[in-house]
PDB file of N, CA and C in Angstrom:
ATOM      1  N   MET A   1     -13.963  -2.778 -12.694  1.00  0.00           N
ATOM      2  CA  MET A   1     -13.349  -2.049 -11.435  1.00  0.00           C
ATOM      3  C   MET A   1     -11.835  -2.487 -11.279  1.00  0.00           C
ATOM      4  N   THR A   2     -10.706  -1.754 -11.317  1.00  0.00           N
ATOM      5  CA  THR A   2      -9.435  -2.006 -10.865  1.00  0.00           C
ATOM      6  C   THR A   2      -9.565  -2.764  -9.294  1.00  0.00           C
ATOM      7  N   HIS A   3      -8.232  -3.584  -9.134  1.00  0.00           N
ATOM      8  CA  HIS A   3      -8.396  -4.616  -8.305  1.00  0.00           C
ATOM      9  C   HIS A   3      -6.507  -3.920  -7.818  1.00  0.00           C
ATOM     10  N   ILE A   4      -6.151  -3.310  -6.805  1.00  0.00           N
ATOM     11  CA  ILE A   4      -4.894  -3.926  -5.937  1.00  0.00           C
ATOM     12  C   ILE A   4      -5.138  -4.226  -4.595  1.00  0.00           C
ATOM     13  N   ARG A   5      -3.249  -5.030  -4.961  1.00  0.00           N
ATOM     14  CA  ARG A   5      -3.527  -6.123  -4.130  1.00  0.00           C
ATOM     15  C   ARG A   5      -1.642  -5.394  -2.853  1.00  0.00           C
ATOM     16  N   TYR A   6      -1.970  -5.268  -1.622  1.00  0.00           N
ATOM     17  CA  TYR A   6      -0.934  -4.178  -0.567  1.00  0.00           C
ATOM     18  C   TYR A   6      -0.530  -5.874   0.043  1.00  0.00           C
ATOM     19  N   GLU A   7       0.612  -6.058  -0.111  1.00  0.00           N
ATOM     20  CA  GLU A   7       1.180  -6.967   0.440  1.00  0.00           C
ATOM     21  C   GLU A   7       1.690  -7.251   1.573  1.00  0.00           C
ATOM     22  N   ILE A   8       1.606  -7.874   2.640  1.00  0.00           N
ATOM     23  CA  ILE A   8       2.768  -7.226   4.050  1.00  0.00           C
ATOM     24  C   ILE A   8       3.771  -8.444   3.265  1.00  0.00           C
ATOM     25  N   VAL A   9       5.412  -7.982   3.771  1.00  0.00           N
ATOM     26  CA  VAL A   9       6.616  -7.643   3.615  1.00  0.00           C
ATOM     27  C   VAL A   9       7.510  -7.893   4.083  1.00  0.00           C
ATOM     28  N   GLN A  10       9.066  -8.462   5.047  1.00  0.00           N
ATOM     29  CA  GLN A  10      10.232  -7.811   5.760  1.00  0.00           C
ATOM     30  C   GLN A  10      10.938  -6.531   4.774  1.00  0.00           C
ATOM     31  N   HIS A  11      11.281  -5.934   5.426  1.00  0.00           N
ATOM     32  CA  HIS A  11      11.307  -4.692   4.788  1.00  0.00           C
ATOM     33  C   HIS A  11      12.528  -3.553   5.626  1.00  0.00           C
ATOM     34  N   ASN A  12      13.374  -3.189   5.023  1.00  0.00           N
ATOM     35  CA  ASN A  12      14.714  -2.859   5.960  1.00  0.00           C
ATOM     36  C   ASN A  12      14.693  -3.230   7.615  1.00  0.00           C
ATOM     37  N   GLY A  13      14.666  -4.367   7.524  1.00  0.00           N
ATOM     38  CA  GLY A  13      15.147  -4.488   9.528  1.00  0.00           C
ATOM     39  C   GLY A  13      14.022  -4.150   9.678  1.00  0.00           C
ATOM     40  N   GLY A  14      12.545  -4.397   9.171  1.00  0.00           N
ATOM     41  CA  GLY A  14      11.256  -4.317   9.705  1.00  0.00           C
ATOM     42  C   GLY A  14      10.180  -4.916   8.662  1.00  0.00           C
ATOM     43  N   TRP A  15       9.443  -4.348   9.283  1.00  0.00           N
ATOM     44  CA  TRP A  15       8.310  -4.847   8.188  1.00  0.00           C
ATOM     45  C   TRP A  15       7.398  -4.002   7.509  1.00  0.00           C
ATOM     46  N   ALA A  16       7.011  -3.895   6.197  1.00  0.00           N
ATOM     47  CA  ALA A  16       6.020  -2.697   5.676  1.00  0.00           C
ATOM     48  C   ALA A  16       5.186  -3.344   4.804  1.00  0.00           C
ATOM     49  N   TYR A  17       4.242  -2.346   4.007  1.00  0.00           N
ATOM     50  CA  TYR A  17       3.506  -3.146   3.018  1.00  0.00           C
ATOM     51  C   TYR A  17       3.695  -2.590   1.681  1.00  0.00           C
ATOM     52  N   LYS A  18       3.687  -3.153   0.800  1.00  0.00           N
ATOM     53  CA  LYS A  18       4.138  -2.710  -0.704  1.00  0.00           C
ATOM     54  C   LYS A  18       2.572  -2.976  -1.818  1.00  0.00           C
ATOM     55  N   LEU A  19       3.049  -2.400  -2.669  1.00  0.00           N
ATOM     56  CA  LEU A  19       2.018  -1.941  -3.709  1.00  0.00           C
ATOM     57  C   LEU A  19       2.750  -1.997  -5.063  1.00  0.00           C
ATOM     58  N   GLY A  20       2.868  -3.011  -5.556  1.00  0.00           N
ATOM     59  CA  GLY A  20       3.486  -3.128  -6.986  1.00  0.00           C
ATOM     60  C   GLY A  20       4.816  -3.470  -6.570  1.00  0.00           C
ATOM     61  N   ASP A  21       5.544  -2.344  -6.364  1.00  0.00           N
ATOM     62  CA  ASP A  21       7.161  -2.112  -6.658  1.00  0.00           C
ATOM     63  C   ASP A  21       7.018  -0.797  -5.568  1.00  0.00           C
ATOM     64  N   VAL A  22       5.990  -0.761  -4.820  1.00  0.00           N
ATOM     65  CA  VAL A  22       6.501   0.687  -4.088  1.00  0.00           C
ATOM     66  C   VAL A  22       6.226   0.098  -2.258  1.00  0.00           C
ATOM     67  N   PHE A  23       7.542   0.414  -1.166  1.00  0.00           N
ATOM     68  CA  PHE A  23       7.088   0.336  -0.016  1.00  0.00           C
ATOM     69  C   PHE A  23       6.243   1.432   0.275  1.00  0.00           C
ATOM     70  N   SER A  24       6.230   1.130   1.807  1.00  0.00           N
ATOM     71  CA  SER A  24       5.658   1.824   2.664  1.00  0.00           C
ATOM     72  C   SER A  24       6.863   2.319   3.331  1.00  0.00           C
ATOM     73  N   GLU A  25       6.166   3.006   3.973  1.00  0.00           N
ATOM     74  CA  GLU A  25       8.074   3.614   5.493  1.00  0.00           C
ATOM     75  C   GLU A  25       8.127   2.168   5.739  1.00  0.00           C
ATOM     76  N   THR A  26       8.931   1.788   6.453  1.00  0.00           N
ATOM     77  CA  THR A  26       9.314   0.670   7.514  1.00  0.00           C
ATOM     78  C   THR A  26       8.552   0.641   8.906  1.00  0.00           C
ATOM     79  N   HIS A  27       7.934  -0.183   9.351  1.00  0.00           N
ATOM     80  CA  HIS A  27       6.982  -0.651  10.498  1.00  0.00           C
ATOM     81  C   HIS A  27       8.270  -1.340  11.664  1.00  0.00           C
ATOM     82  N   PRO A  28       8.404  -1.045  12.768  1.00  0.00           N
ATOM     83  CA  PRO A  28       9.130  -2.286  13.474  1.00  0.00           C
ATOM     84  C   PRO A  28       8.530  -3.517  13.599  1.00  0.00           C
ATOM     85  N   THR A  29       7.703  -3.401  13.692  1.00  0.00           N
ATOM     86  CA  THR A  29       6.063  -4.427  13.997  1.00  0.00           C
ATOM     87  C   THR A  29       5.599  -5.535  12.728  1.00  0.00           C
ATOM     88  N   HIS A  30       5.400  -6.394  12.619  1.00  0.00           N
ATOM     89  CA  HIS A  30       4.883  -7.327  11.832  1.00  0.00           C
ATOM     90  C   HIS A  30       2.925  -6.651  11.959  1.00  0.00           C
ATOM     91  N   GLN A  31       2.980  -6.569  12.908  1.00  0.00           N
ATOM     92  CA  GLN A  31       1.790  -6.425  13.474  1.00  0.00           C
ATOM     93  C   GLN A  31       1.265  -4.852  12.409  1.00  0.00           C
ATOM     94  N   GLY A  32       1.876  -3.834  13.164  1.00  0.00           N
ATOM     95  CA  GLY A  32       2.789  -2.023  12.745  1.00  0.00           C
ATOM     96  C   GLY A  32       2.139  -2.211  11.012  1.00  0.00           C
ATOM     97  N   ALA A  33       2.879  -2.720  10.447  1.00  0.00           N
ATOM     98  CA  ALA A  33       3.049  -2.685   9.098  1.00  0.00           C
ATOM     99  C   ALA A  33       1.759  -3.600   8.033  1.00  0.00           C
ATOM    100  N   LEU A  34       0.759  -4.229   9.031  1.00  0.00           N
ATOM    101  CA  LEU A  34      -0.441  -4.922   8.555  1.00  0.00           C
ATOM    102  C   LEU A  34      -1.605  -3.995   8.965  1.00  0.00           C
ATOM    103  N   ASP A  35      -1.235  -3.519  10.259  1.00  0.00           N
ATOM    104  CA  ASP A  35      -2.497  -2.093  10.607  1.00  0.00           C
ATOM    105  C   ASP A  35      -2.113  -1.291   9.803  1.00  0.00           C
ATOM    106  N   ALA A  36      -1.399  -0.856   9.076  1.00  0.00           N
ATOM    107  CA  ALA A  36      -0.737   0.322   8.062  1.00  0.00           C
ATOM    108  C   ALA A  36      -2.172  -0.372   6.905  1.00  0.00           C
ATOM    109  N   ALA A  37      -1.706  -1.314   6.023  1.00  0.00           N
ATOM    110  CA  ALA A  37      -1.841  -1.840   5.199  1.00  0.00           C
ATOM    111  C   ALA A  37      -3.497  -1.631   5.492  1.00  0.00           C
ATOM    112  N   ARG A  38      -3.512  -1.887   5.756  1.00  0.00           N
ATOM    113  CA  ARG A  38      -5.761  -2.373   5.969  1.00  0.00           C
ATOM    114  C   ARG A  38      -5.863  -0.552   6.128  1.00  0.00           C
ATOM    115  N   GLU A  39      -5.702   0.014   7.042  1.00  0.00           N
ATOM    116  CA  GLU A  39      -5.766   1.223   6.858  1.00  0.00           C
ATOM    117  C   GLU A  39      -5.860   1.816   5.359  1.00  0.00           C
ATOM    118  N   ALA A  40      -4.814   2.019   4.812  1.00  0.00           N
ATOM    119  CA  ALA A  40      -4.351   2.298   3.580  1.00  0.00           C
ATOM    120  C   ALA A  40      -5.451   1.741   2.462  1.00  0.00           C
ATOM    121  N   ALA A  41      -5.366   0.435   2.809  1.00  0.00           N
ATOM    122  CA  ALA A  41      -6.754  -0.083   1.593  1.00  0.00           C
ATOM    123  C   ALA A  41      -8.269   0.362   1.749  1.00  0.00           C
ATOM    124  N   ALA A  42      -8.571   0.394   3.174  1.00  0.00           N
ATOM    125  CA  ALA A  42      -9.862   0.936   3.839  1.00  0.00           C
ATOM    126  C   ALA A  42     -10.100   2.428   2.784  1.00  0.00           C
ATOM    127  N   ARG A  43      -9.061   3.053   3.037  1.00  0.00           N
ATOM    128  CA  ARG A  43      -8.432   4.710   2.274  1.00  0.00           C
ATOM    129  C   ARG A  43      -9.067   4.596   0.636  1.00  0.00           C
ATOM    130  N   GLN A  44      -8.858   3.558  -0.153  1.00  0.00           N
ATOM    131  CA  GLN A  44      -8.600   3.250  -1.571  1.00  0.00           C
ATOM    132  C   GLN A  44     -10.774   3.571  -1.530  1.00  0.00           C
ATOM    133  N   SER A  45     -10.944   2.793  -1.324  1.00  0.00           N
ATOM    134  CA  SER A  45     -12.709   2.818  -1.128  1.00  0.00           C
ATOM    135  C   SER A  45     -13.523   4.343  -0.698  1.00  0.00           C
ATOM    136  N   LEU A  46     -12.439   5.756  -0.235  1.00  0.00           N
ATOM    137  CA  LEU A  46     -13.802   6.261  -0.261  1.00  0.00           C
ATOM    138  C   LEU A  46     -12.990   7.592  -1.788  1.00  0.00           C
ATOM    139  N   SER A  47     -14.434   7.997  -1.418  1.00  0.00           N
ATOM    140  CA  SER A  47     -14.447   8.679  -3.197  1.00  0.00           C
ATOM    141  C   SER A  47     -13.795  10.175  -2.657  1.00  0.00           C
ATOM    142  N   GLY A  48     -13.393  10.979  -3.429  1.00  0.00           N
ATOM    143  CA  GLY A  48     -12.865  12.296  -3.516  1.00  0.00           C
ATOM    144  C   GLY A  48     -13.371  12.666  -4.608  1.00  0.00           C
ATOM    145  N   GLU A  49     -12.115  13.735  -5.090  1.00  0.00           N
ATOM    146  CA  GLU A  49     -12.684  15.036  -6.282  1.00  0.00           C
ATOM    147  C   GLU A  49     -11.880  14.178  -7.155  1.00  0.00           C
ATOM    148  N   THR A  50     -12.862  15.314  -8.134  1.00  0.00           N
ATOM    149  CA  THR A  50     -12.141  14.586  -9.371  1.00  0.00           C
ATOM    150  C   THR A  50     -10.948  15.364 -10.042  1.00  0.00           C
ATOM    151  N   ARG A  51      -9.872  15.302  -9.966  1.00  0.00           N
ATOM    152  CA  ARG A  51      -8.675  16.022  -9.733  1.00  0.00           C
ATOM    153  C   ARG A  51      -7.702  15.347 -11.252  1.00  0.00           C
ATOM    154  N   PRO A  52      -6.862  16.604 -11.575  1.00  0.00           N
ATOM    155  CA  PRO A  52      -5.697  16.102 -12.714  1.00  0.00           C
ATOM    156  C   PRO A  52      -4.697  15.269 -11.565  1.00  0.00           C
ATOM    157  N   ILE A  53      -3.915  14.829 -12.145  1.00  0.00           N
ATOM    158  CA  ILE A  53      -2.495  13.818 -11.541  1.00  0.00           C
ATOM    159  C   ILE A  53      -1.608  13.654 -12.086  1.00  0.00           C
ATOM    160  N   LEU A  54      -0.380  13.309 -11.455  1.00  0.00           N
ATOM    161  CA  LEU A  54       0.743  13.766 -12.177  1.00  0.00           C
ATOM    162  C   LEU A  54       1.881  12.725 -11.958  1.00  0.00           C
ATOM    163  N   TYR A  55       2.196  11.635 -12.718  1.00  0.00           N
ATOM    164  CA  TYR A  55       2.508  10.704 -12.244  1.00  0.00           C
ATOM    165  C   TYR A  55       3.979   9.673 -13.022  1.00  0.00           C
ATOM    166  N   GLN A  56       4.931   9.232 -13.399  1.00  0.00           N
ATOM    167  CA  GLN A  56       5.857   8.703 -13.105  1.00  0.00           C
ATOM    168  C   GLN A  56       5.722   7.422 -13.707  1.00  0.00           C
ATOM    169  N   ASP A  57       6.307   6.828 -14.792  1.00  0.00           N
ATOM    170  CA  ASP A  57       6.103   5.061 -15.028  1.00  0.00           C
ATOM    171  C   ASP A  57       6.546   4.684 -14.351  1.00  0.00           C
ATOM    172  N   SER A  58       7.356   3.410 -14.833  1.00  0.00           N
ATOM    173  CA  SER A  58       8.482   2.146 -15.086  1.00  0.00           C
ATOM    174  C   SER A  58      10.033   3.133 -15.456  1.00  0.00           C
ATOM    175  N   ALA A  59       9.599   3.207 -16.383  1.00  0.00           N
ATOM    176  CA  ALA A  59      10.856   4.162 -17.851  1.00  0.00           C
ATOM    177  C   ALA A  59      10.829   4.611 -17.103  1.00  0.00           C
ATOM    178  N   GLY A  60      10.069   6.428 -16.314  1.00  0.00           N
ATOM    179  CA  GLY A  60      10.509   7.517 -16.391  1.00  0.00           C
ATOM    180  C   GLY A  60      10.373   8.256 -16.909  1.00  0.00           C
ATOM    181  N   ARG A  61       9.008   7.890 -17.712  1.00  0.00           N
ATOM    182  CA  ARG A  61       8.137   9.096 -18.475  1.00  0.00           C
ATOM    183  C   ARG A  61       6.858   9.806 -17.370  1.00  0.00           C
ATOM    184  N   TRP A  62       6.563  10.790 -17.471  1.00  0.00           N
ATOM    185  CA  TRP A  62       5.934  11.257 -16.692  1.00  0.00           C
ATOM    186  C   TRP A  62       4.435  10.896 -17.599  1.00  0.00           C
ATOM    187  N   HIS A  63       3.524  11.664 -17.141  1.00  0.00           N
ATOM    188  CA  HIS A  63       1.851  11.521 -17.192  1.00  0.00           C
ATOM    189  C   HIS A  63       0.841  12.591 -16.523  1.00  0.00           C
ATOM    190  N   GLU A  64      -0.037  12.633 -17.388  1.00  0.00           N
ATOM    191  CA  GLU A  64      -0.823  13.710 -16.620  1.00  0.00           C
ATOM    192  C   GLU A  64      -2.758  13.237 -17.097  1.00  0.00           C
ATOM    193  N   GLU A  65      -2.759  12.955 -16.430  1.00  0.00           N
ATOM    194  CA  GLU A  65      -4.539  11.945 -16.348  1.00  0.00           C
ATOM    195  C   GLU A  65      -5.534  13.179 -15.462  1.00  0.00           C
ATOM    196  N   THR A  66      -6.456  12.710 -15.339  1.00  0.00           N
ATOM    197  CA  THR A  66      -7.433  12.912 -14.350  1.00  0.00           C
ATOM    198  C   THR A  66      -8.368  12.038 -14.129  1.00  0.00           C
ATOM    199  N   ALA A  67      -8.361  11.948 -12.734  1.00  0.00           N
ATOM    200  CA  ALA A  67      -8.688  10.649 -12.026  1.00  0.00           C
ATOM    201  C   ALA A  67      -9.643  11.092 -11.087  1.00  0.00           C
ATOM    202  N   GLN A  68     -10.970  10.901 -11.829  1.00  0.00           N
ATOM    203  CA  GLN A  68     -12.238  10.782 -11.061  1.00  0.00           C
ATOM    204  C   GLN A  68     -12.762  10.095  -9.830  1.00  0.00           C
ATOM    205  N   GLY A  69     -13.227  11.385  -9.372  1.00  0.00           N
ATOM    206  CA  GLY A  69     -13.185  10.803  -7.761  1.00  0.00           C
ATOM    207  C   GLY A  69     -14.095   9.773  -7.632  1.00  0.00           C
ATOM    208  N   THR A  70     -14.930   9.555  -8.503  1.00  0.00           N
ATOM    209  CA  THR A  70     -15.532   8.310  -7.973  1.00  0.00           C
ATOM    210  C   THR A  70     -15.031   7.135  -7.875  1.00  0.00           C
ATOM    211  N   ASP A  71     -14.264   6.712  -9.118  1.00  0.00           N
ATOM    212  CA  ASP A  71     -13.736   6.225  -9.584  1.00  0.00           C
ATOM    213  C   ASP A  71     -12.596   4.892  -8.358  1.00  0.00           C
ATOM    214  N   ARG A  72     -12.716   4.264  -7.698  1.00  0.00           N
ATOM    215  CA  ARG A  72     -12.647   3.848  -6.867  1.00  0.00           C
ATOM    216  C   ARG A  72     -12.266   2.168  -6.452  1.00  0.00           C
ATOM    217  N   PRO A  73     -10.365   1.840  -6.578  1.00  0.00           N
ATOM    218  CA  PRO A  73     -10.071   0.439  -7.070  1.00  0.00           C
ATOM    219  C   PRO A  73     -10.651  -0.629  -5.798  1.00  0.00           C
ATOM    220  N   GLU A  74     -10.488  -1.617  -5.777  1.00  0.00           N
ATOM    221  CA  GLU A  74     -10.848  -2.780  -5.000  1.00  0.00           C
ATOM    222  C   GLU A  74      -9.743  -3.039  -4.352  1.00  0.00           C
ATOM    223  N   ALA A  75      -9.389  -3.178  -3.085  1.00  0.00           N
ATOM    224  CA  ALA A  75      -8.235  -3.272  -2.343  1.00  0.00           C
ATOM    225  C   ALA A  75      -8.426  -4.356  -1.561  1.00  0.00           C
ATOM    226  N   GLU A  76      -7.409  -5.004  -1.304  1.00  0.00           N
ATOM    227  CA  GLU A  76      -7.109  -5.773  -0.278  1.00  0.00           C
ATOM    228  C   GLU A  76      -5.620  -6.276   0.096  1.00  0.00           C
ATOM    229  N   VAL A  77      -5.695  -6.845   1.327  1.00  0.00           N
ATOM    230  CA  VAL A  77      -4.494  -6.919   1.806  1.00  0.00           C
ATOM    231  C   VAL A  77      -4.133  -8.511   1.751  1.00  0.00           C
ATOM    232  N   GLU A  78      -2.676  -8.385   1.761  1.00  0.00           N
ATOM    233  CA  GLU A  78      -2.093 -10.649   1.443  1.00  0.00           C
ATOM    234  C   GLU A  78      -0.695 -10.172   2.368  1.00  0.00           C
ATOM    235  N   ASP A  79      -1.370 -10.938   3.916  1.00  0.00           N
ATOM    236  CA  ASP A  79      -0.151 -11.597   4.715  1.00  0.00           C
ATOM    237  C   ASP A  79       0.062 -12.969   4.255  1.00  0.00           C
ATOM    238  N   ASP A  80       1.028 -13.224   3.970  1.00  0.00           N
ATOM    239  CA  ASP A  80       1.310 -14.409   3.659  1.00  0.00           C
ATOM    240  C   ASP A  80       2.847 -14.757   4.685  1.00  0.00           C
ATOM    241  N   ALA A  81       3.174 -13.237   5.168  1.00  0.00           N
ATOM    242  CA  ALA A  81       4.654 -13.477   5.616  1.00  0.00           C
ATOM    243  C   ALA A  81       3.993 -13.446   7.321  1.00  0.00           C
ATOM    244  N   SER A  82       4.931 -14.374   8.038  1.00  0.00           N
ATOM    245  CA  SER A  82       4.848 -14.324   9.430  1.00  0.00           C
ATOM    246  C   SER A  82       6.467 -13.959  10.230  1.00  0.00           C
ATOM    247  N   ASP A  83       5.920 -13.467  11.679  1.00  0.00           N
ATOM    248  CA  ASP A  83       6.661 -12.400  12.483  1.00  0.00           C
ATOM    249  C   ASP A  83       7.435 -13.308  12.917  1.00  0.00           C
ATOM    250  N   PRO A  84       8.667 -13.364  12.550  1.00  0.00           N
ATOM    251  CA  PRO A  84       9.797 -14.373  13.351  1.00  0.00           C
ATOM    252  C   PRO A  84       9.982 -14.439  14.804  1.00  0.00           C
ATOM    253  N   LEU A  85       9.892 -13.060  15.038  1.00  0.00           N
ATOM    254  CA  LEU A  85       9.810 -12.391  16.619  1.00  0.00           C
ATOM    255  C   LEU A  85       8.812 -12.447  17.675  1.00  0.00           C
ATOM    256  N   PRO A  86       8.894 -13.088  18.872  1.00  0.00           N
ATOM    257  CA  PRO A  86       7.448 -13.473  19.468  1.00  0.00           C
ATOM    258  C   PRO A  86       7.858 -12.078  20.321  1.00  0.00           C
ATOM    259  N   PRO A  87       6.935 -11.304  20.712  1.00  0.00           N
ATOM    260  CA  PRO A  87       6.430 -10.062  21.265  1.00  0.00           C
ATOM    261  C   PRO A  87       7.004  -9.668  22.212  1.00  0.00           C
ATOM    262  N   ARG A  88       7.965 -10.379  22.750  1.00  0.00           N
ATOM    263  CA  ARG A  88       8.818  -9.845  24.107  1.00  0.00           C
ATOM    264  C   ARG A  88       9.950  -8.991  23.917  1.00  0.00           C
ATOM    265  N   THR A  89      10.447  -9.783  22.740  1.00  0.00           N
ATOM    266  CA  THR A  89      12.175  -9.680  21.929  1.00  0.00           C
ATOM    267  C   THR A  89      11.479  -8.264  21.366  1.00  0.00           C
ATOM    268  N   ARG A  90      10.769  -7.334  21.295  1.00  0.00           N
ATOM    269  CA  ARG A  90      10.804  -7.006  20.289  1.00  0.00           C
ATOM    270  C   ARG A  90      11.004  -5.449  21.079  1.00  0.00           C
TER     271      ARG A  90
END
């Protein structure tokens, strides 16, 4: 089983979650990014349809594969970041 890790990080003046080198949208608060990462991780466990996928690798090459709907990764959220702003100043 594949294992993936979402990481909470500061990004573009706010907070985001990151998977590998890919960032999510920016959230204004640390908690918002953490909640979104937890939702994304939970969705990873849901079975889906077997279907073809097309993706680009880090070298810019395109690949086409068949993704099995039952082949789901084990996902976790890593949160070593801390929100430096107290709740009242947001």
